[in-house]
């Protein structure tokens, strides 16, 4: 008769009671039995006292939620609970090694202002392009401005200027050659 009573209070029987009826008394008995042992196990694994305490709480919460997944044919209750504890410890270790990134953190937002050197270089480059455009013949400069600054297609430019499409394309090609030469000379 005592063996039957001992079996009712076994961790496996307590887990089955939690799984079957969400028996709070059985869970309380499991908690009293396993929580201090899980915390000691986590401390031996290198967790400090506060982390071990938090993880032990997390482990026991998982035991409550996942009691229906326990299968006494596969493992003892202790093995099952310690496997949950081991996995919780590994997850906690991974979180500390690779903390979650807050994408709204001001330190991670790139400064939208250009660096002074970049701003100066951009200004110099813009001045060189303006000077090169000014050196083009008027008909070529007009077509370049319409194409690149007004974003017009070659056909639209040809229509507006009453020029053949081939003439627009050849003037653009000539203008690019002159611009390339003028900008190349400035760098040399």
C-alpha atoms as a PDB file:
ATOM      1  CA  UNK A   1       0.000   0.000   0.000  1.00  0.00           C
ATOM      2  CA  UNK A   2       2.873   2.375   0.759  1.00  0.00           C
ATOM      3  CA  UNK A   3       4.387   1.753  -2.681  1.00  0.00           C
ATOM      4  CA  UNK A   4       1.124   2.947  -4.223  1.00  0.00           C
ATOM      5  CA  UNK A   5       1.133   6.115  -2.097  1.00  0.00           C
ATOM      6  CA  UNK A   6       4.791   6.745  -2.968  1.00  0.00           C
ATOM      7  CA  UNK A   7       3.940   6.329  -6.662  1.00  0.00           C
ATOM      8  CA  UNK A   8       1.193   8.972  -6.415  1.00  0.00           C
ATOM      9  CA  UNK A   9       3.753  11.456  -5.090  1.00  0.00           C
ATOM     10  CA  UNK A  10       6.435  10.546  -7.643  1.00  0.00           C
ATOM     11  CA  UNK A  11       7.498  13.378  -9.956  1.00  0.00           C
ATOM     12  CA  UNK A  12       6.145  11.421 -12.909  1.00  0.00           C
ATOM     13  CA  UNK A  13       2.721  11.048 -11.262  1.00  0.00           C
ATOM     14  CA  UNK A  14       2.728  14.710 -10.290  1.00  0.00           C
ATOM     15  CA  UNK A  15       3.532  15.701 -13.889  1.00  0.00           C
ATOM     16  CA  UNK A  16       0.697  13.521 -15.154  1.00  0.00           C
ATOM     17  CA  UNK A  17      -1.699  15.202 -12.704  1.00  0.00           C
ATOM     18  CA  UNK A  18      -0.578  18.633 -13.904  1.00  0.00           C
ATOM     19  CA  UNK A  19      -0.983  17.559 -17.520  1.00  0.00           C
ATOM     20  CA  UNK A  20      -4.365  15.895 -17.062  1.00  0.00           C
ATOM     21  CA  UNK A  21      -6.139  18.382 -14.774  1.00  0.00           C
ATOM     22  CA  UNK A  22      -3.779  21.299 -14.316  1.00  0.00           C
ATOM     23  CA  UNK A  23      -3.604  20.262 -10.670  1.00  0.00           C
ATOM     24  CA  UNK A  24      -2.087  23.170  -8.770  1.00  0.00           C
ATOM     25  CA  UNK A  25      -1.270  21.088  -5.691  1.00  0.00           C
ATOM     26  CA  UNK A  26       0.696  18.631  -7.801  1.00  0.00           C
ATOM     27  CA  UNK A  27       2.522  21.508  -9.494  1.00  0.00           C
ATOM     28  CA  UNK A  28       3.302  23.063  -6.102  1.00  0.00           C
ATOM     29  CA  UNK A  29       4.827  19.748  -5.019  1.00  0.00           C
ATOM     30  CA  UNK A  30       6.858  19.613  -8.265  1.00  0.00           C
ATOM     31  CA  UNK A  31       7.944  23.220  -7.763  1.00  0.00           C
ATOM     32  CA  UNK A  32       9.086  22.589  -4.179  1.00  0.00           C
ATOM     33  CA  UNK A  33      11.006  19.550  -5.318  1.00  0.00           C
ATOM     34  CA  UNK A  34      12.616  20.799  -8.525  1.00  0.00           C
ATOM     35  CA  UNK A  35      13.000  24.599  -8.247  1.00  0.00           C
ATOM     36  CA  UNK A  36      15.881  24.555  -5.716  1.00  0.00           C
ATOM     37  CA  UNK A  37      17.578  21.695  -7.546  1.00  0.00           C
ATOM     38  CA  UNK A  38      17.244  23.438 -10.924  1.00  0.00           C
ATOM     39  CA  UNK A  39      18.649  26.642  -9.444  1.00  0.00           C
ATOM     40  CA  UNK A  40      21.624  24.740  -8.003  1.00  0.00           C
ATOM     41  CA  UNK A  41      22.161  23.025 -11.363  1.00  0.00           C
ATOM     42  CA  UNK A  42      22.134  26.393 -13.167  1.00  0.00           C
ATOM     43  CA  UNK A  43      24.597  27.833 -10.635  1.00  0.00           C
ATOM     44  CA  UNK A  44      26.937  24.906 -11.328  1.00  0.00           C
ATOM     45  CA  UNK A  45      26.591  25.698 -15.041  1.00  0.00           C
ATOM     46  CA  UNK A  46      27.966  29.195 -14.383  1.00  0.00           C
ATOM     47  CA  UNK A  47      24.861  31.346 -13.984  1.00  0.00           C
ATOM     48  CA  UNK A  48      25.028  33.917 -11.208  1.00  0.00           C
ATOM     49  CA  UNK A  49      22.467  33.682  -8.408  1.00  0.00           C
ATOM     50  CA  UNK A  50      19.980  36.198  -9.811  1.00  0.00           C
ATOM     51  CA  UNK A  51      20.099  34.713 -13.315  1.00  0.00           C
ATOM     52  CA  UNK A  52      19.804  31.183 -11.918  1.00  0.00           C
ATOM     53  CA  UNK A  53      16.780  32.251  -9.875  1.00  0.00           C
ATOM     54  CA  UNK A  54      15.102  33.830 -12.934  1.00  0.00           C
ATOM     55  CA  UNK A  55      15.886  30.820 -15.100  1.00  0.00           C
ATOM     56  CA  UNK A  56      14.575  28.402 -12.469  1.00  0.00           C
ATOM     57  CA  UNK A  57      11.285  30.337 -12.462  1.00  0.00           C
ATOM     58  CA  UNK A  58      11.224  30.223 -16.267  1.00  0.00           C
ATOM     59  CA  UNK A  59      11.929  26.473 -16.248  1.00  0.00           C
ATOM     60  CA  UNK A  60       9.150  25.745 -13.793  1.00  0.00           C
ATOM     61  CA  UNK A  61       6.732  27.869 -15.828  1.00  0.00           C
ATOM     62  CA  UNK A  62       7.655  25.801 -18.888  1.00  0.00           C
ATOM     63  CA  UNK A  63       7.088  22.613 -16.867  1.00  0.00           C
ATOM     64  CA  UNK A  64       3.574  23.869 -16.048  1.00  0.00           C
ATOM     65  CA  UNK A  65       2.817  24.800 -19.663  1.00  0.00           C
ATOM     66  CA  UNK A  66       4.400  21.740 -21.285  1.00  0.00           C
ATOM     67  CA  UNK A  67       3.397  19.042 -18.814  1.00  0.00           C
ATOM     68  CA  UNK A  68       1.225  17.424 -21.499  1.00  0.00           C
ATOM     69  CA  UNK A  69       4.390  16.846 -23.572  1.00  0.00           C
ATOM     70  CA  UNK A  70       6.003  14.746 -20.845  1.00  0.00           C
ATOM     71  CA  UNK A  71       6.303  11.071 -21.774  1.00  0.00           C
ATOM     72  CA  UNK A  72       7.445   8.765 -18.976  1.00  0.00           C
ATOM     73  CA  UNK A  73       8.330   6.117 -21.567  1.00  0.00           C
ATOM     74  CA  UNK A  74      11.018   8.392 -23.025  1.00  0.00           C
ATOM     75  CA  UNK A  75      12.569   9.906 -19.883  1.00  0.00           C
ATOM     76  CA  UNK A  76      12.138  10.318 -16.182  1.00  0.00           C
ATOM     77  CA  UNK A  77      10.579  13.496 -14.843  1.00  0.00           C
ATOM     78  CA  UNK A  78      13.947  14.675 -13.540  1.00  0.00           C
ATOM     79  CA  UNK A  79      15.626  14.125 -16.923  1.00  0.00           C
ATOM     80  CA  UNK A  80      12.812  15.997 -18.650  1.00  0.00           C
ATOM     81  CA  UNK A  81      12.944  18.957 -16.225  1.00  0.00           C
ATOM     82  CA  UNK A  82      16.759  19.190 -16.382  1.00  0.00           C
ATOM     83  CA  UNK A  83      16.633  19.111 -20.185  1.00  0.00           C
ATOM     84  CA  UNK A  84      14.308  22.115 -20.064  1.00  0.00           C
ATOM     85  CA  UNK A  85      16.711  23.796 -17.626  1.00  0.00           C
ATOM     86  CA  UNK A  86      19.713  23.083 -19.835  1.00  0.00           C
ATOM     87  CA  UNK A  87      17.946  24.520 -22.887  1.00  0.00           C
ATOM     88  CA  UNK A  88      16.830  27.607 -20.940  1.00  0.00           C
ATOM     89  CA  UNK A  89      20.426  28.168 -19.825  1.00  0.00           C
ATOM     90  CA  UNK A  90      21.720  27.824 -23.390  1.00  0.00           C
ATOM     91  CA  UNK A  91      19.076  30.266 -24.646  1.00  0.00           C
ATOM     92  CA  UNK A  92      19.969  32.767 -21.913  1.00  0.00           C
ATOM     93  CA  UNK A  93      23.663  32.429 -22.769  1.00  0.00           C
ATOM     94  CA  UNK A  94      22.933  33.067 -26.449  1.00  0.00           C
ATOM     95  CA  UNK A  95      20.879  36.141 -25.585  1.00  0.00           C
ATOM     96  CA  UNK A  96      23.761  37.605 -23.584  1.00  0.00           C
ATOM     97  CA  UNK A  97      26.298  36.776 -26.293  1.00  0.00           C
ATOM     98  CA  UNK A  98      24.105  38.269 -29.022  1.00  0.00           C
ATOM     99  CA  UNK A  99      21.835  40.794 -27.350  1.00  0.00           C
ATOM    100  CA  UNK A 100      18.715  41.885 -29.175  1.00  0.00           C
ATOM    101  CA  UNK A 101      19.322  45.011 -31.206  1.00  0.00           C
ATOM    102  CA  UNK A 102      17.034  48.005 -30.799  1.00  0.00           C
ATOM    103  CA  UNK A 103      16.838  49.461 -34.287  1.00  0.00           C
ATOM    104  CA  UNK A 104      15.583  52.748 -32.824  1.00  0.00           C
ATOM    105  CA  UNK A 105      18.756  53.188 -30.777  1.00  0.00           C
ATOM    106  CA  UNK A 106      20.228  56.593 -31.628  1.00  0.00           C
ATOM    107  CA  UNK A 107      23.709  55.086 -31.722  1.00  0.00           C
ATOM    108  CA  UNK A 108      22.687  52.878 -34.648  1.00  0.00           C
ATOM    109  CA  UNK A 109      21.118  55.630 -36.746  1.00  0.00           C
ATOM    110  CA  UNK A 110      23.501  57.007 -39.326  1.00  0.00           C
ATOM    111  CA  UNK A 111      24.136  60.726 -39.239  1.00  0.00           C
ATOM    112  CA  UNK A 112      22.356  62.167 -42.256  1.00  0.00           C
ATOM    113  CA  UNK A 113      24.713  65.126 -42.472  1.00  0.00           C
ATOM    114  CA  UNK A 114      27.708  64.576 -44.726  1.00  0.00           C
ATOM    115  CA  UNK A 115      31.171  64.842 -43.256  1.00  0.00           C
ATOM    116  CA  UNK A 116      32.867  68.184 -43.941  1.00  0.00           C
ATOM    117  CA  UNK A 117      35.400  66.545 -46.281  1.00  0.00           C
ATOM    118  CA  UNK A 118      32.622  64.826 -48.234  1.00  0.00           C
ATOM    119  CA  UNK A 119      30.604  68.044 -48.471  1.00  0.00           C
ATOM    120  CA  UNK A 120      33.636  69.923 -49.734  1.00  0.00           C
ATOM    121  CA  UNK A 121      34.462  67.215 -52.285  1.00  0.00           C
ATOM    122  CA  UNK A 122      30.847  67.164 -53.461  1.00  0.00           C
ATOM    123  CA  UNK A 123      30.878  70.944 -53.852  1.00  0.00           C
ATOM    124  CA  UNK A 124      34.105  70.820 -55.841  1.00  0.00           C
ATOM    125  CA  UNK A 125      32.755  68.037 -58.049  1.00  0.00           C
ATOM    126  CA  UNK A 126      29.520  70.002 -58.679  1.00  0.00           C
ATOM    127  CA  UNK A 127      31.554  73.082 -59.623  1.00  0.00           C
ATOM    128  CA  UNK A 128      33.660  71.036 -62.083  1.00  0.00           C
ATOM    129  CA  UNK A 129      30.501  69.617 -63.692  1.00  0.00           C
ATOM    130  CA  UNK A 130      28.961  73.103 -63.985  1.00  0.00           C
ATOM    131  CA  UNK A 131      32.139  74.454 -65.576  1.00  0.00           C
ATOM    132  CA  UNK A 132      32.262  71.511 -67.992  1.00  0.00           C
ATOM    133  CA  UNK A 133      28.592  72.035 -68.936  1.00  0.00           C
ATOM    134  CA  UNK A 134      29.255  75.740 -69.495  1.00  0.00           C
ATOM    135  CA  UNK A 135      32.066  74.852 -71.908  1.00  0.00           C
ATOM    136  CA  UNK A 136      29.707  72.844 -74.167  1.00  0.00           C
ATOM    137  CA  UNK A 137      28.173  74.355 -77.295  1.00  0.00           C
ATOM    138  CA  UNK A 138      24.674  75.701 -76.519  1.00  0.00           C
ATOM    139  CA  UNK A 139      22.781  73.012 -78.511  1.00  0.00           C
ATOM    140  CA  UNK A 140      24.615  70.202 -76.681  1.00  0.00           C
ATOM    141  CA  UNK A 141      24.252  71.827 -73.244  1.00  0.00           C
ATOM    142  CA  UNK A 142      20.503  72.281 -73.796  1.00  0.00           C
ATOM    143  CA  UNK A 143      20.027  68.614 -74.662  1.00  0.00           C
ATOM    144  CA  UNK A 144      22.123  67.462 -71.648  1.00  0.00           C
ATOM    145  CA  UNK A 145      20.101  69.672 -69.278  1.00  0.00           C
ATOM    146  CA  UNK A 146      16.779  68.455 -70.704  1.00  0.00           C
ATOM    147  CA  UNK A 147      17.855  64.827 -70.487  1.00  0.00           C
ATOM    148  CA  UNK A 148      19.504  64.766 -67.051  1.00  0.00           C
ATOM    149  CA  UNK A 149      18.017  67.646 -65.104  1.00  0.00           C
ATOM    150  CA  UNK A 150      14.489  67.645 -66.543  1.00  0.00           C
ATOM    151  CA  UNK A 151      14.450  63.826 -66.978  1.00  0.00           C
ATOM    152  CA  UNK A 152      13.053  63.956 -70.506  1.00  0.00           C
ATOM    153  CA  UNK A 153      13.368  61.057 -72.898  1.00  0.00           C
ATOM    154  CA  UNK A 154      15.275  61.412 -76.151  1.00  0.00           C
ATOM    155  CA  UNK A 155      11.986  61.327 -78.082  1.00  0.00           C
ATOM    156  CA  UNK A 156      10.522  64.132 -75.942  1.00  0.00           C
ATOM    157  CA  UNK A 157      13.628  66.268 -76.469  1.00  0.00           C
ATOM    158  CA  UNK A 158      13.493  65.673 -80.226  1.00  0.00           C
ATOM    159  CA  UNK A 159       9.834  66.672 -80.330  1.00  0.00           C
ATOM    160  CA  UNK A 160      10.285  69.840 -78.214  1.00  0.00           C
ATOM    161  CA  UNK A 161      13.348  71.008 -80.151  1.00  0.00           C
ATOM    162  CA  UNK A 162      11.945  69.921 -83.519  1.00  0.00           C
ATOM    163  CA  UNK A 163      15.035  67.836 -84.200  1.00  0.00           C
ATOM    164  CA  UNK A 164      15.409  64.327 -85.592  1.00  0.00           C
ATOM    165  CA  UNK A 165      15.860  61.692 -82.880  1.00  0.00           C
ATOM    166  CA  UNK A 166      19.249  60.726 -84.339  1.00  0.00           C
ATOM    167  CA  UNK A 167      20.475  64.329 -84.021  1.00  0.00           C
ATOM    168  CA  UNK A 168      19.502  64.428 -80.327  1.00  0.00           C
ATOM    169  CA  UNK A 169      21.352  61.173 -79.687  1.00  0.00           C
ATOM    170  CA  UNK A 170      24.462  62.235 -81.592  1.00  0.00           C
ATOM    171  CA  UNK A 171      24.591  65.607 -79.780  1.00  0.00           C
ATOM    172  CA  UNK A 172      24.293  63.804 -76.439  1.00  0.00           C
ATOM    173  CA  UNK A 173      27.106  61.442 -77.455  1.00  0.00           C
ATOM    174  CA  UNK A 174      29.307  64.377 -78.476  1.00  0.00           C
ATOM    175  CA  UNK A 175      28.443  66.227 -75.247  1.00  0.00           C
ATOM    176  CA  UNK A 176      29.373  63.179 -73.135  1.00  0.00           C
ATOM    177  CA  UNK A 177      32.705  62.918 -74.890  1.00  0.00           C
ATOM    178  CA  UNK A 178      33.478  66.586 -74.202  1.00  0.00           C
ATOM    179  CA  UNK A 179      32.282  66.330 -70.589  1.00  0.00           C
ATOM    180  CA  UNK A 180      34.382  63.227 -70.026  1.00  0.00           C
ATOM    181  CA  UNK A 181      37.452  64.954 -71.470  1.00  0.00           C
ATOM    182  CA  UNK A 182      36.842  68.156 -69.465  1.00  0.00           C
ATOM    183  CA  UNK A 183      36.282  66.309 -66.181  1.00  0.00           C
ATOM    184  CA  UNK A 184      39.240  64.011 -66.810  1.00  0.00           C
ATOM    185  CA  UNK A 185      41.546  66.994 -67.381  1.00  0.00           C
ATOM    186  CA  UNK A 186      40.430  68.529 -64.056  1.00  0.00           C
ATOM    187  CA  UNK A 187      41.461  65.399 -62.131  1.00  0.00           C
ATOM    188  CA  UNK A 188      44.827  65.125 -63.861  1.00  0.00           C
END
